[in-house]
Amino acid sequence: MKASEIRELSDVELGDKLKDLKAELFNLRFQHAINQLDNPMRLAHIKKDIARVKTQIRQRQLAV
């Protein structure tokens, strides 16, 4: 997910997206632990997406 796409989301959508990404990260970590993960780079991508969403949430908090 690109930063420009994240900026277009509303506050509620950002919260939902963050919750979904954290759930996906949990599932990927579980798959990695039992050696069933097909693409280990997916973990890094999800972590970066979570960081992008959190950054956008924080920027909006500071702007208010």
N, C-alpha and C. Protein backbone atom coordinates (compact mmCIF):
# COMPACT_ATOMS: atom_id res chain seq x y z
N MET A 1 0.84 -1.17 0.00
CA MET A 1 0.00 0.00 0.00
C MET A 1 0.89 1.24 0.00
N LYS A 2 0.55 2.18 -0.85
CA LYS A 2 1.35 3.39 -0.98
C LYS A 2 0.90 4.45 0.02
N ALA A 3 1.80 5.35 0.33
CA ALA A 3 1.51 6.42 1.28
C ALA A 3 0.40 7.32 0.75
N SER A 4 0.36 7.54 -0.56
CA SER A 4 -0.68 8.39 -1.13
C SER A 4 -2.06 7.76 -0.96
N GLU A 5 -2.13 6.45 -1.02
CA GLU A 5 -3.40 5.75 -0.81
C GLU A 5 -3.83 5.87 0.65
N ILE A 6 -2.87 5.83 1.55
CA ILE A 6 -3.18 5.92 2.99
C ILE A 6 -3.68 7.31 3.33
N ARG A 7 -3.11 8.35 2.71
CA ARG A 7 -3.52 9.72 3.00
C ARG A 7 -4.97 9.97 2.61
N GLU A 8 -5.48 9.23 1.63
CA GLU A 8 -6.85 9.43 1.15
C GLU A 8 -7.89 8.79 2.07
N LEU A 9 -7.47 7.92 2.99
CA LEU A 9 -8.41 7.23 3.87
C LEU A 9 -8.87 8.15 4.99
N SER A 10 -10.08 7.91 5.46
CA SER A 10 -10.60 8.68 6.60
C SER A 10 -10.02 8.11 7.89
N ASP A 11 -10.29 8.79 9.00
CA ASP A 11 -9.77 8.35 10.30
C ASP A 11 -10.31 6.97 10.67
N VAL A 12 -11.58 6.74 10.41
CA VAL A 12 -12.19 5.45 10.74
C VAL A 12 -11.60 4.35 9.87
N GLU A 13 -11.41 4.66 8.59
CA GLU A 13 -10.83 3.67 7.68
C GLU A 13 -9.38 3.36 8.06
N LEU A 14 -8.65 4.37 8.55
CA LEU A 14 -7.27 4.13 9.00
C LEU A 14 -7.25 3.18 10.19
N GLY A 15 -8.16 3.37 11.13
CA GLY A 15 -8.24 2.48 12.28
C GLY A 15 -8.57 1.06 11.87
N ASP A 16 -9.51 0.92 10.95
CA ASP A 16 -9.87 -0.42 10.46
C ASP A 16 -8.71 -1.07 9.72
N LYS A 17 -8.01 -0.27 8.91
CA LYS A 17 -6.88 -0.78 8.15
C LYS A 17 -5.77 -1.25 9.09
N LEU A 18 -5.53 -0.47 10.15
CA LEU A 18 -4.51 -0.83 11.12
C LEU A 18 -4.86 -2.15 11.80
N LYS A 19 -6.12 -2.29 12.17
CA LYS A 19 -6.56 -3.52 12.82
C LYS A 19 -6.39 -4.73 11.88
N ASP A 20 -6.74 -4.55 10.60
CA ASP A 20 -6.61 -5.63 9.63
C ASP A 20 -5.14 -6.01 9.41
N LEU A 21 -4.28 -5.00 9.31
CA LEU A 21 -2.86 -5.26 9.10
C LEU A 21 -2.23 -5.99 10.29
N LYS A 22 -2.64 -5.60 11.50
CA LYS A 22 -2.10 -6.27 12.68
C LYS A 22 -2.55 -7.73 12.74
N ALA A 23 -3.79 -7.98 12.35
CA ALA A 23 -4.29 -9.36 12.32
C ALA A 23 -3.54 -10.18 11.27
N GLU A 24 -3.29 -9.57 10.12
CA GLU A 24 -2.55 -10.26 9.07
C GLU A 24 -1.11 -10.54 9.51
N LEU A 25 -0.49 -9.58 10.20
CA LEU A 25 0.86 -9.78 10.71
C LEU A 25 0.90 -10.93 11.71
N PHE A 26 -0.10 -10.99 12.57
CA PHE A 26 -0.18 -12.09 13.54
C PHE A 26 -0.25 -13.43 12.83
N ASN A 27 -1.11 -13.53 11.81
CA ASN A 27 -1.24 -14.78 11.07
C ASN A 27 0.05 -15.15 10.34
N LEU A 28 0.72 -14.16 9.77
CA LEU A 28 1.97 -14.43 9.07
C LEU A 28 3.06 -14.90 10.04
N ARG A 29 3.11 -14.29 11.22
CA ARG A 29 4.10 -14.72 12.22
C ARG A 29 3.82 -16.14 12.67
N PHE A 30 2.56 -16.47 12.81
CA PHE A 30 2.20 -17.83 13.20
C PHE A 30 2.61 -18.82 12.12
N GLN A 31 2.34 -18.49 10.86
CA GLN A 31 2.74 -19.36 9.75
C GLN A 31 4.26 -19.50 9.69
N HIS A 32 4.95 -18.39 9.95
CA HIS A 32 6.42 -18.43 9.93
C HIS A 32 6.96 -19.34 11.03
N ALA A 33 6.30 -19.34 12.18
CA ALA A 33 6.76 -20.14 13.31
C ALA A 33 6.63 -21.64 13.03
N ILE A 34 5.63 -22.01 12.25
CA ILE A 34 5.44 -23.43 11.96
C ILE A 34 5.92 -23.79 10.56
N ASN A 35 6.74 -22.90 9.98
CA ASN A 35 7.39 -23.12 8.69
C ASN A 35 6.42 -23.37 7.55
N GLN A 36 5.33 -22.64 7.51
CA GLN A 36 4.39 -22.76 6.40
C GLN A 36 4.25 -21.45 5.62
N LEU A 37 5.16 -20.52 5.85
CA LEU A 37 5.08 -19.22 5.19
C LEU A 37 5.70 -19.32 3.80
N ASP A 38 4.92 -18.97 2.78
CA ASP A 38 5.40 -19.06 1.40
C ASP A 38 6.34 -17.91 1.04
N ASN A 39 5.98 -16.69 1.44
CA ASN A 39 6.75 -15.51 1.08
C ASN A 39 7.18 -14.76 2.35
N PRO A 40 8.39 -14.99 2.84
CA PRO A 40 8.83 -14.33 4.07
C PRO A 40 8.94 -12.81 3.94
N MET A 41 9.09 -12.30 2.74
CA MET A 41 9.18 -10.85 2.55
C MET A 41 7.85 -10.17 2.84
N ARG A 42 6.79 -10.93 2.85
CA ARG A 42 5.46 -10.38 3.14
C ARG A 42 5.43 -9.80 4.56
N LEU A 43 6.18 -10.41 5.48
CA LEU A 43 6.27 -9.90 6.85
C LEU A 43 6.80 -8.46 6.85
N ALA A 44 7.85 -8.22 6.11
CA ALA A 44 8.45 -6.89 6.06
C ALA A 44 7.49 -5.88 5.44
N HIS A 45 6.78 -6.28 4.39
CA HIS A 45 5.84 -5.38 3.74
C HIS A 45 4.70 -4.99 4.68
N ILE A 46 4.20 -5.95 5.42
CA ILE A 46 3.10 -5.68 6.35
C ILE A 46 3.58 -4.74 7.46
N LYS A 47 4.79 -4.98 7.99
CA LYS A 47 5.33 -4.11 9.03
C LYS A 47 5.46 -2.67 8.54
N LYS A 48 5.92 -2.50 7.30
CA LYS A 48 6.07 -1.16 6.74
C LYS A 48 4.72 -0.50 6.52
N ASP A 49 3.72 -1.28 6.10
CA ASP A 49 2.37 -0.73 5.93
C ASP A 49 1.80 -0.28 7.27
N ILE A 50 2.05 -1.06 8.32
CA ILE A 50 1.59 -0.68 9.66
C ILE A 50 2.25 0.62 10.08
N ALA A 51 3.53 0.76 9.81
CA ALA A 51 4.25 1.98 10.17
C ALA A 51 3.70 3.18 9.40
N ARG A 52 3.37 2.98 8.12
CA ARG A 52 2.80 4.07 7.32
C ARG A 52 1.45 4.52 7.87
N VAL A 53 0.62 3.56 8.24
CA VAL A 53 -0.70 3.90 8.78
C VAL A 53 -0.56 4.62 10.11
N LYS A 54 0.31 4.10 10.98
CA LYS A 54 0.51 4.75 12.28
C LYS A 54 1.07 6.16 12.12
N THR A 55 1.95 6.36 11.17
CA THR A 55 2.52 7.68 10.91
C THR A 55 1.43 8.65 10.48
N GLN A 56 0.55 8.19 9.60
CA GLN A 56 -0.53 9.06 9.13
C GLN A 56 -1.50 9.40 10.27
N ILE A 57 -1.79 8.44 11.12
CA ILE A 57 -2.66 8.69 12.27
C ILE A 57 -2.02 9.72 13.18
N ARG A 58 -0.73 9.59 13.44
CA ARG A 58 -0.02 10.52 14.33
C ARG A 58 0.04 11.92 13.72
N GLN A 59 0.26 12.02 12.42
CA GLN A 59 0.30 13.32 11.77
C GLN A 59 -1.04 14.04 11.89
N ARG A 60 -2.12 13.27 11.77
CA ARG A 60 -3.45 13.87 11.90
C ARG A 60 -3.72 14.31 13.34
N GLN A 61 -3.20 13.55 14.31
CA GLN A 61 -3.37 13.94 15.71
C GLN A 61 -2.63 15.24 16.00
N LEU A 62 -1.45 15.38 15.48
CA LEU A 62 -0.65 16.58 15.71
C LEU A 62 -1.22 17.80 14.99
N ALA A 63 -1.89 17.58 13.88
CA ALA A 63 -2.46 18.68 13.11
C ALA A 63 -3.66 19.29 13.84
N VAL A 64 -4.31 18.49 14.67
CA VAL A 64 -5.48 18.97 15.42
C VAL A 64 -5.00 19.70 16.61
